[in-house]
PDB file of all heavy atoms in Angstrom:
ATOM      1  N   PHE A   1      -5.355 -11.993   6.257  1.00  0.00           N
ATOM      2  CA  PHE A   1      -3.954 -12.514   6.033  1.00  0.00           C
ATOM      3  C   PHE A   1      -2.999 -11.847   7.017  1.00  0.00           C
ATOM      4  O   PHE A   1      -2.268 -12.514   7.658  1.00  0.00           O
ATOM      5  CB  PHE A   1      -3.540 -12.423   4.605  1.00  0.00           C
ATOM      6  CG  PHE A   1      -4.188 -13.439   3.556  1.00  0.00           C
ATOM      7  CD1 PHE A   1      -3.897 -13.324   2.310  1.00  0.00           C
ATOM      8  CD2 PHE A   1      -5.004 -14.399   4.098  1.00  0.00           C
ATOM      9  CE1 PHE A   1      -4.491 -14.212   1.367  1.00  0.00           C
ATOM     10  CE2 PHE A   1      -5.565 -15.315   3.190  1.00  0.00           C
ATOM     11  CZ  PHE A   1      -5.295 -15.178   1.799  1.00  0.00           C
ATOM     12  N   VAL A   2      -3.007 -10.492   6.961  1.00  0.00           N
ATOM     13  CA  VAL A   2      -2.153  -9.765   7.784  1.00  0.00           C
ATOM     14  C   VAL A   2      -2.368 -10.075   9.257  1.00  0.00           C
ATOM     15  O   VAL A   2      -1.417 -10.257  10.046  1.00  0.00           O
ATOM     16  CB  VAL A   2      -2.235  -8.179   7.525  1.00  0.00           C
ATOM     17  CG1 VAL A   2      -1.343  -7.448   8.571  1.00  0.00           C
ATOM     18  CG2 VAL A   2      -1.865  -7.892   6.078  1.00  0.00           C
ATOM     19  N   GLU A   3      -3.575 -10.025   9.730  1.00  0.00           N
ATOM     20  CA  GLU A   3      -3.853 -10.255  11.123  1.00  0.00           C
ATOM     21  C   GLU A   3      -3.581 -11.668  11.660  1.00  0.00           C
ATOM     22  O   GLU A   3      -3.537 -11.876  12.806  1.00  0.00           O
ATOM     23  CB  GLU A   3      -5.408  -9.877  11.349  1.00  0.00           C
ATOM     24  CG  GLU A   3      -5.631  -8.394  11.261  1.00  0.00           C
ATOM     25  CD  GLU A   3      -7.020  -7.918  11.507  1.00  0.00           C
ATOM     26  OE1 GLU A   3      -7.893  -8.900  11.389  1.00  0.00           O
ATOM     27  OE2 GLU A   3      -7.269  -6.774  11.767  1.00  0.00           O
ATOM     28  N   ARG A   4      -3.354 -12.564  10.711  1.00  0.00           N
ATOM     29  CA  ARG A   4      -3.008 -13.964  10.997  1.00  0.00           C
ATOM     30  C   ARG A   4      -1.407 -14.007  11.297  1.00  0.00           C
ATOM     31  O   ARG A   4      -0.967 -14.936  11.786  1.00  0.00           O
ATOM     32  CB  ARG A   4      -3.406 -15.001  10.015  1.00  0.00           C
ATOM     33  CG  ARG A   4      -4.892 -15.223  10.055  1.00  0.00           C
ATOM     34  CD  ARG A   4      -5.249 -16.379   9.069  1.00  0.00           C
ATOM     35  NE  ARG A   4      -6.642 -16.675   9.060  1.00  0.00           N
ATOM     36  CZ  ARG A   4      -7.520 -16.170   8.221  1.00  0.00           C
ATOM     37  NH1 ARG A   4      -7.036 -15.342   7.289  1.00  0.00           N
ATOM     38  NH2 ARG A   4      -8.826 -16.529   8.283  1.00  0.00           N
ATOM     39  N   HIS A   5      -0.798 -12.965  10.926  1.00  0.00           N
ATOM     40  CA  HIS A   5       0.715 -12.939  11.126  1.00  0.00           C
ATOM     41  C   HIS A   5       0.882 -12.400  12.638  1.00  0.00           C
ATOM     42  O   HIS A   5       0.378 -11.330  12.923  1.00  0.00           O
ATOM     43  CB  HIS A   5       1.348 -11.997  10.132  1.00  0.00           C
ATOM     44  CG  HIS A   5       2.909 -12.204  10.136  1.00  0.00           C
ATOM     45  ND1 HIS A   5       3.730 -11.838  11.250  1.00  0.00           N
ATOM     46  CD2 HIS A   5       3.747 -12.737   9.180  1.00  0.00           C
ATOM     47  CE1 HIS A   5       5.040 -12.074  10.860  1.00  0.00           C
ATOM     48  NE2 HIS A   5       5.066 -12.590   9.647  1.00  0.00           N
ATOM     49  N   PRO A   6       1.744 -13.161  13.401  1.00  0.00           N
ATOM     50  CA  PRO A   6       1.912 -12.737  14.854  1.00  0.00           C
ATOM     51  C   PRO A   6       2.558 -11.402  15.000  1.00  0.00           C
ATOM     52  O   PRO A   6       2.451 -10.943  16.164  1.00  0.00           O
ATOM     53  CB  PRO A   6       2.597 -13.945  15.448  1.00  0.00           C
ATOM     54  CG  PRO A   6       3.343 -14.570  14.215  1.00  0.00           C
ATOM     55  CD  PRO A   6       2.527 -14.336  13.013  1.00  0.00           C
ATOM     56  N   HIS A   7       3.325 -10.859  14.042  1.00  0.00           N
ATOM     57  CA  HIS A   7       4.040  -9.679  14.294  1.00  0.00           C
ATOM     58  C   HIS A   7       3.524  -8.403  13.569  1.00  0.00           C
ATOM     59  O   HIS A   7       4.217  -7.372  13.455  1.00  0.00           O
ATOM     60  CB  HIS A   7       5.518  -9.943  13.798  1.00  0.00           C
ATOM     61  CG  HIS A   7       6.177 -11.094  14.565  1.00  0.00           C
ATOM     62  ND1 HIS A   7       6.451 -10.970  15.971  1.00  0.00           N
ATOM     63  CD2 HIS A   7       6.581 -12.288  14.158  1.00  0.00           C
ATOM     64  CE1 HIS A   7       6.960 -12.146  16.238  1.00  0.00           C
ATOM     65  NE2 HIS A   7       7.088 -12.889  15.265  1.00  0.00           N
ATOM     66  N   TYR A   8       2.241  -8.542  13.076  1.00  0.00           N
ATOM     67  CA  TYR A   8       1.638  -7.477  12.399  1.00  0.00           C
ATOM     68  C   TYR A   8       0.256  -7.144  12.897  1.00  0.00           C
ATOM     69  O   TYR A   8      -0.387  -8.053  13.390  1.00  0.00           O
ATOM     70  CB  TYR A   8       1.554  -7.684  10.927  1.00  0.00           C
ATOM     71  CG  TYR A   8       2.936  -7.544  10.129  1.00  0.00           C
ATOM     72  CD1 TYR A   8       3.774  -8.677  10.238  1.00  0.00           C
ATOM     73  CD2 TYR A   8       3.234  -6.355   9.429  1.00  0.00           C
ATOM     74  CE1 TYR A   8       5.085  -8.418   9.543  1.00  0.00           C
ATOM     75  CE2 TYR A   8       4.397  -6.234   8.821  1.00  0.00           C
ATOM     76  CZ  TYR A   8       5.314  -7.266   8.918  1.00  0.00           C
ATOM     77  OH  TYR A   8       6.530  -7.043   8.224  1.00  0.00           O
ATOM     78  N   GLU A   9      -0.172  -5.930  12.781  1.00  0.00           N
ATOM     79  CA  GLU A   9      -1.525  -5.494  13.096  1.00  0.00           C
ATOM     80  C   GLU A   9      -1.943  -4.458  12.027  1.00  0.00           C
ATOM     81  O   GLU A   9      -1.111  -3.653  11.546  1.00  0.00           O
ATOM     82  CB  GLU A   9      -1.665  -4.881  14.556  1.00  0.00           C
ATOM     83  CG  GLU A   9      -0.837  -3.547  14.772  1.00  0.00           C
ATOM     84  CD  GLU A   9      -1.014  -3.025  16.154  1.00  0.00           C
ATOM     85  OE1 GLU A   9      -2.042  -3.434  16.783  1.00  0.00           O
ATOM     86  OE2 GLU A   9      -0.227  -2.161  16.504  1.00  0.00           O
ATOM     87  N   VAL A  10      -3.164  -4.484  11.696  1.00  0.00           N
ATOM     88  CA  VAL A  10      -3.784  -3.589  10.686  1.00  0.00           C
ATOM     89  C   VAL A  10      -4.298  -2.393  11.389  1.00  0.00           C
ATOM     90  O   VAL A  10      -5.188  -2.433  12.388  1.00  0.00           O
ATOM     91  CB  VAL A  10      -4.922  -4.225   9.884  1.00  0.00           C
ATOM     92  CG1 VAL A  10      -5.499  -3.207   8.919  1.00  0.00           C
ATOM     93  CG2 VAL A  10      -4.328  -5.428   9.082  1.00  0.00           C
ATOM     94  N   VAL A  11      -3.820  -1.205  11.059  1.00  0.00           N
ATOM     95  CA  VAL A  11      -4.273   0.037  11.702  1.00  0.00           C
ATOM     96  C   VAL A  11      -5.169   0.867  10.765  1.00  0.00           C
ATOM     97  O   VAL A  11      -5.761   1.934  11.229  1.00  0.00           O
ATOM     98  CB  VAL A  11      -3.078   0.964  12.082  1.00  0.00           C
ATOM     99  CG1 VAL A  11      -2.256   0.309  13.101  1.00  0.00           C
ATOM    100  CG2 VAL A  11      -2.253   1.313  10.828  1.00  0.00           C
ATOM    101  N   GLY A  12      -5.384   0.435   9.568  1.00  0.00           N
ATOM    102  CA  GLY A  12      -6.379   1.150   8.646  1.00  0.00           C
ATOM    103  C   GLY A  12      -6.402   0.472   7.279  1.00  0.00           C
ATOM    104  O   GLY A  12      -5.533  -0.165   6.829  1.00  0.00           O
ATOM    105  N   VAL A  13      -7.553   0.775   6.646  1.00  0.00           N
ATOM    106  CA  VAL A  13      -7.796   0.355   5.236  1.00  0.00           C
ATOM    107  C   VAL A  13      -8.265   1.494   4.420  1.00  0.00           C
ATOM    108  O   VAL A  13      -9.200   2.273   4.780  1.00  0.00           O
ATOM    109  CB  VAL A  13      -8.800  -0.731   5.115  1.00  0.00           C
ATOM    110  CG1 VAL A  13      -9.047  -1.130   3.680  1.00  0.00           C
ATOM    111  CG2 VAL A  13      -8.424  -2.050   5.906  1.00  0.00           C
ATOM    112  N   ALA A  14      -7.531   1.892   3.329  1.00  0.00           N
ATOM    113  CA  ALA A  14      -7.792   3.037   2.501  1.00  0.00           C
ATOM    114  C   ALA A  14      -8.215   2.589   1.107  1.00  0.00           C
ATOM    115  O   ALA A  14      -7.445   1.883   0.510  1.00  0.00           O
ATOM    116  CB  ALA A  14      -6.610   3.995   2.448  1.00  0.00           C
ATOM    117  N   PRO A  15      -9.420   3.012   0.729  1.00  0.00           N
ATOM    118  CA  PRO A  15      -9.788   2.554  -0.655  1.00  0.00           C
ATOM    119  C   PRO A  15      -9.379   3.522  -1.852  1.00  0.00           C
ATOM    120  O   PRO A  15      -9.643   3.204  -2.945  1.00  0.00           O
ATOM    121  CB  PRO A  15     -11.359   2.511  -0.446  1.00  0.00           C
ATOM    122  CG  PRO A  15     -11.663   3.609   0.444  1.00  0.00           C
ATOM    123  CD  PRO A  15     -10.521   3.627   1.447  1.00  0.00           C
ATOM    124  N   THR A  16      -8.831   4.640  -1.456  1.00  0.00           N
ATOM    125  CA  THR A  16      -8.333   5.563  -2.540  1.00  0.00           C
ATOM    126  C   THR A  16      -6.946   6.124  -2.204  1.00  0.00           C
ATOM    127  O   THR A  16      -6.520   5.974  -1.068  1.00  0.00           O
ATOM    128  CB  THR A  16      -9.393   6.763  -2.607  1.00  0.00           C
ATOM    129  OG1 THR A  16      -9.217   7.587  -1.321  1.00  0.00           O
ATOM    130  CG2 THR A  16     -10.766   6.320  -2.824  1.00  0.00           C
ATOM    131  N   GLY A  17      -6.356   6.751  -3.148  1.00  0.00           N
ATOM    132  CA  GLY A  17      -5.041   7.305  -2.944  1.00  0.00           C
ATOM    133  C   GLY A  17      -5.115   8.394  -1.973  1.00  0.00           C
ATOM    134  O   GLY A  17      -4.158   8.555  -1.060  1.00  0.00           O
ATOM    135  N   ALA A  18      -6.105   9.232  -2.098  1.00  0.00           N
ATOM    136  CA  ALA A  18      -6.284  10.370  -1.204  1.00  0.00           C
ATOM    137  C   ALA A  18      -6.334  10.050   0.223  1.00  0.00           C
ATOM    138  O   ALA A  18      -5.748  10.444   1.261  1.00  0.00           O
ATOM    139  CB  ALA A  18      -7.436  11.350  -1.584  1.00  0.00           C
ATOM    140  N   GLU A  19      -7.282   8.984   0.501  1.00  0.00           N
ATOM    141  CA  GLU A  19      -7.371   8.461   1.862  1.00  0.00           C
ATOM    142  C   GLU A  19      -6.097   7.715   2.303  1.00  0.00           C
ATOM    143  O   GLU A  19      -5.778   7.844   3.553  1.00  0.00           O
ATOM    144  CB  GLU A  19      -8.572   7.476   1.965  1.00  0.00           C
ATOM    145  CG  GLU A  19      -9.868   8.195   1.752  1.00  0.00           C
ATOM    146  CD  GLU A  19     -11.072   7.138   1.892  1.00  0.00           C
ATOM    147  OE1 GLU A  19     -11.097   6.502   2.941  1.00  0.00           O
ATOM    148  OE2 GLU A  19     -11.976   7.222   1.082  1.00  0.00           O
ATOM    149  N   ALA A  20      -5.357   7.096   1.434  1.00  0.00           N
ATOM    150  CA  ALA A  20      -4.053   6.497   1.806  1.00  0.00           C
ATOM    151  C   ALA A  20      -3.139   7.533   2.308  1.00  0.00           C
ATOM    152  O   ALA A  20      -2.436   7.457   3.335  1.00  0.00           O
ATOM    153  CB  ALA A  20      -3.501   5.701   0.647  1.00  0.00           C
ATOM    154  N   LEU A  21      -3.004   8.629   1.571  1.00  0.00           N
ATOM    155  CA  LEU A  21      -2.058   9.762   1.973  1.00  0.00           C
ATOM    156  C   LEU A  21      -2.506  10.352   3.341  1.00  0.00           C
ATOM    157  O   LEU A  21      -1.585  10.674   4.163  1.00  0.00           O
ATOM    158  CB  LEU A  21      -1.990  10.821   0.826  1.00  0.00           C
ATOM    159  CG  LEU A  21      -1.393  10.378  -0.453  1.00  0.00           C
ATOM    160  CD1 LEU A  21      -1.607  11.380  -1.487  1.00  0.00           C
ATOM    161  CD2 LEU A  21       0.117  10.091  -0.254  1.00  0.00           C
ATOM    162  N   ARG A  22      -3.755  10.490   3.519  1.00  0.00           N
ATOM    163  CA  ARG A  22      -4.280  11.017   4.773  1.00  0.00           C
ATOM    164  C   ARG A  22      -3.933  10.033   5.940  1.00  0.00           C
ATOM    165  O   ARG A  22      -3.531  10.427   7.058  1.00  0.00           O
ATOM    166  CB  ARG A  22      -5.809  11.232   4.682  1.00  0.00           C
ATOM    167  CG  ARG A  22      -6.365  11.935   5.920  1.00  0.00           C
ATOM    168  CD  ARG A  22      -7.860  12.188   5.800  1.00  0.00           C
ATOM    169  NE  ARG A  22      -8.171  12.801   4.607  1.00  0.00           N
ATOM    170  CZ  ARG A  22      -8.859  12.296   3.589  1.00  0.00           C
ATOM    171  NH1 ARG A  22      -9.348  11.040   3.726  1.00  0.00           N
ATOM    172  NH2 ARG A  22      -9.179  12.891   2.498  1.00  0.00           N
ATOM    173  N   ALA A  23      -4.136   8.714   5.681  1.00  0.00           N
ATOM    174  CA  ALA A  23      -3.925   7.671   6.776  1.00  0.00           C
ATOM    175  C   ALA A  23      -2.425   7.675   7.093  1.00  0.00           C
ATOM    176  O   ALA A  23      -2.088   7.450   8.115  1.00  0.00           O
ATOM    177  CB  ALA A  23      -4.475   6.360   6.223  1.00  0.00           C
ATOM    178  N   LEU A  24      -1.586   7.767   5.998  1.00  0.00           N
ATOM    179  CA  LEU A  24      -0.170   7.710   6.227  1.00  0.00           C
ATOM    180  C   LEU A  24       0.292   8.890   7.245  1.00  0.00           C
ATOM    181  O   LEU A  24       1.098   8.683   8.090  1.00  0.00           O
ATOM    182  CB  LEU A  24       0.607   7.961   4.810  1.00  0.00           C
ATOM    183  CG  LEU A  24       0.638   6.698   4.005  1.00  0.00           C
ATOM    184  CD1 LEU A  24       1.043   6.974   2.574  1.00  0.00           C
ATOM    185  CD2 LEU A  24       1.560   5.577   4.615  1.00  0.00           C
ATOM    186  N   SER A  25      -0.408  10.020   7.025  1.00  0.00           N
ATOM    187  CA  SER A  25      -0.098  11.233   7.855  1.00  0.00           C
ATOM    188  C   SER A  25      -0.576  11.090   9.376  1.00  0.00           C
ATOM    189  O   SER A  25       0.127  11.459  10.305  1.00  0.00           O
ATOM    190  CB  SER A  25      -0.640  12.490   7.222  1.00  0.00           C
ATOM    191  OG  SER A  25      -0.380  13.619   8.074  1.00  0.00           O
ATOM    192  N   GLU A  26      -1.796  10.444   9.361  1.00  0.00           N
ATOM    193  CA  GLU A  26      -2.413  10.354  10.713  1.00  0.00           C
ATOM    194  C   GLU A  26      -2.061   9.175  11.492  1.00  0.00           C
ATOM    195  O   GLU A  26      -1.916   9.179  12.661  1.00  0.00           O
ATOM    196  CB  GLU A  26      -3.965  10.447  10.498  1.00  0.00           C
ATOM    197  CG  GLU A  26      -4.445  11.733   9.880  1.00  0.00           C
ATOM    198  CD  GLU A  26      -6.045  11.734   9.604  1.00  0.00           C
ATOM    199  OE1 GLU A  26      -6.552  10.622   9.747  1.00  0.00           O
ATOM    200  OE2 GLU A  26      -6.566  12.712   9.236  1.00  0.00           O
ATOM    201  N   GLN A  27      -1.899   8.085  10.728  1.00  0.00           N
ATOM    202  CA  GLN A  27      -1.732   6.743  11.521  1.00  0.00           C
ATOM    203  C   GLN A  27      -0.260   6.399  11.705  1.00  0.00           C
ATOM    204  O   GLN A  27       0.140   5.617  12.462  1.00  0.00           O
ATOM    205  CB  GLN A  27      -2.385   5.544  10.734  1.00  0.00           C
ATOM    206  CG  GLN A  27      -3.834   5.683  10.648  1.00  0.00           C
ATOM    207  CD  GLN A  27      -4.603   5.431  11.896  1.00  0.00           C
ATOM    208  OE1 GLN A  27      -3.945   4.924  12.891  1.00  0.00           O
ATOM    209  NE2 GLN A  27      -5.850   5.931  12.033  1.00  0.00           N
ATOM    210  N   ARG A  28       0.610   7.003  10.789  1.00  0.00           N
ATOM    211  CA  ARG A  28       2.061   6.696  10.868  1.00  0.00           C
ATOM    212  C   ARG A  28       2.340   5.210  10.992  1.00  0.00           C
ATOM    213  O   ARG A  28       3.068   4.661  11.784  1.00  0.00           O
ATOM    214  CB  ARG A  28       2.713   7.345  12.020  1.00  0.00           C
ATOM    215  CG  ARG A  28       2.414   8.812  12.230  1.00  0.00           C
ATOM    216  CD  ARG A  28       3.382   9.581  11.139  1.00  0.00           C
ATOM    217  NE  ARG A  28       3.213  11.022  11.306  1.00  0.00           N
ATOM    218  CZ  ARG A  28       3.841  11.906  10.481  1.00  0.00           C
ATOM    219  NH1 ARG A  28       4.658  11.495   9.634  1.00  0.00           N
ATOM    220  NH2 ARG A  28       3.625  13.228  10.688  1.00  0.00           N
ATOM    221  N   PRO A  29       1.930   4.446   9.807  1.00  0.00           N
ATOM    222  CA  PRO A  29       2.169   3.042   9.905  1.00  0.00           C
ATOM    223  C   PRO A  29       3.586   2.673   9.615  1.00  0.00           C
ATOM    224  O   PRO A  29       4.321   3.526   9.093  1.00  0.00           O
ATOM    225  CB  PRO A  29       1.281   2.525   8.724  1.00  0.00           C
ATOM    226  CG  PRO A  29       1.228   3.683   7.815  1.00  0.00           C
ATOM    227  CD  PRO A  29       1.209   4.865   8.700  1.00  0.00           C
ATOM    228  N   ASP A  30       4.040   1.464   9.931  1.00  0.00           N
ATOM    229  CA  ASP A  30       5.424   0.902   9.622  1.00  0.00           C
ATOM    230  C   ASP A  30       5.380   0.370   8.372  1.00  0.00           C
ATOM    231  O   ASP A  30       6.440   0.497   7.675  1.00  0.00           O
ATOM    232  CB  ASP A  30       5.810  -0.164  10.679  1.00  0.00           C
ATOM    233  CG  ASP A  30       5.732   0.434  12.087  1.00  0.00           C
ATOM    234  OD1 ASP A  30       6.388   1.350  12.448  1.00  0.00           O
ATOM    235  OD2 ASP A  30       4.890  -0.180  12.895  1.00  0.00           O
ATOM    236  N   VAL A  31       4.373  -0.107   7.812  1.00  0.00           N
ATOM    237  CA  VAL A  31       4.319  -0.849   6.479  1.00  0.00           C
ATOM    238  C   VAL A  31       3.038  -0.493   5.767  1.00  0.00           C
ATOM    239  O   VAL A  31       1.970  -0.376   6.447  1.00  0.00           O
ATOM    240  CB  VAL A  31       4.305  -2.440   6.768  1.00  0.00           C
ATOM    241  CG1 VAL A  31       4.378  -3.201   5.491  1.00  0.00           C
ATOM    242  CG2 VAL A  31       5.567  -2.769   7.608  1.00  0.00           C
ATOM    243  N   MET A  32       3.039  -0.375   4.513  1.00  0.00           N
ATOM    244  CA  MET A  32       1.878  -0.083   3.694  1.00  0.00           C
ATOM    245  C   MET A  32       1.764  -1.133   2.611  1.00  0.00           C
ATOM    246  O   MET A  32       2.728  -1.393   1.871  1.00  0.00           O
ATOM    247  CB  MET A  32       1.909   1.298   3.092  1.00  0.00           C
ATOM    248  CG  MET A  32       0.742   1.507   2.136  1.00  0.00           C
ATOM    249  SD  MET A  32       0.673   3.306   1.502  1.00  0.00           S
ATOM    250  CE  MET A  32       2.224   3.395   0.750  1.00  0.00           C
ATOM    251  N   LEU A  33       0.662  -1.876   2.444  1.00  0.00           N
ATOM    252  CA  LEU A  33       0.334  -2.803   1.424  1.00  0.00           C
ATOM    253  C   LEU A  33      -0.385  -1.962   0.423  1.00  0.00           C
ATOM    254  O   LEU A  33      -1.557  -1.457   0.537  1.00  0.00           O
ATOM    255  CB  LEU A  33      -0.412  -3.976   1.883  1.00  0.00           C
ATOM    256  CG  LEU A  33       0.126  -4.764   3.073  1.00  0.00           C
ATOM    257  CD1 LEU A  33      -0.791  -6.022   3.280  1.00  0.00           C
ATOM    258  CD2 LEU A  33       1.518  -5.117   2.864  1.00  0.00           C
ATOM    259  N   LEU A  34       0.153  -1.749  -0.819  1.00  0.00           N
ATOM    260  CA  LEU A  34      -0.294  -0.784  -1.802  1.00  0.00           C
ATOM    261  C   LEU A  34      -0.728  -1.449  -3.116  1.00  0.00           C
ATOM    262  O   LEU A  34       0.072  -2.068  -3.712  1.00  0.00           O
ATOM    263  CB  LEU A  34       0.768   0.200  -1.897  1.00  0.00           C
ATOM    264  CG  LEU A  34       0.419   1.328  -2.995  1.00  0.00           C
ATOM    265  CD1 LEU A  34      -0.695   2.169  -2.556  1.00  0.00           C
ATOM    266  CD2 LEU A  34       1.690   2.160  -3.289  1.00  0.00           C
TER     267      LEU A  34
END
């Protein structure tokens, strides 16, 4: 769904809270779907 939006790109998928926090620190996303 996200990749079909012309103004968004997915930089990561995190299956746990710990991995989400790690990805937030490393990937520096603009938006998080939580």
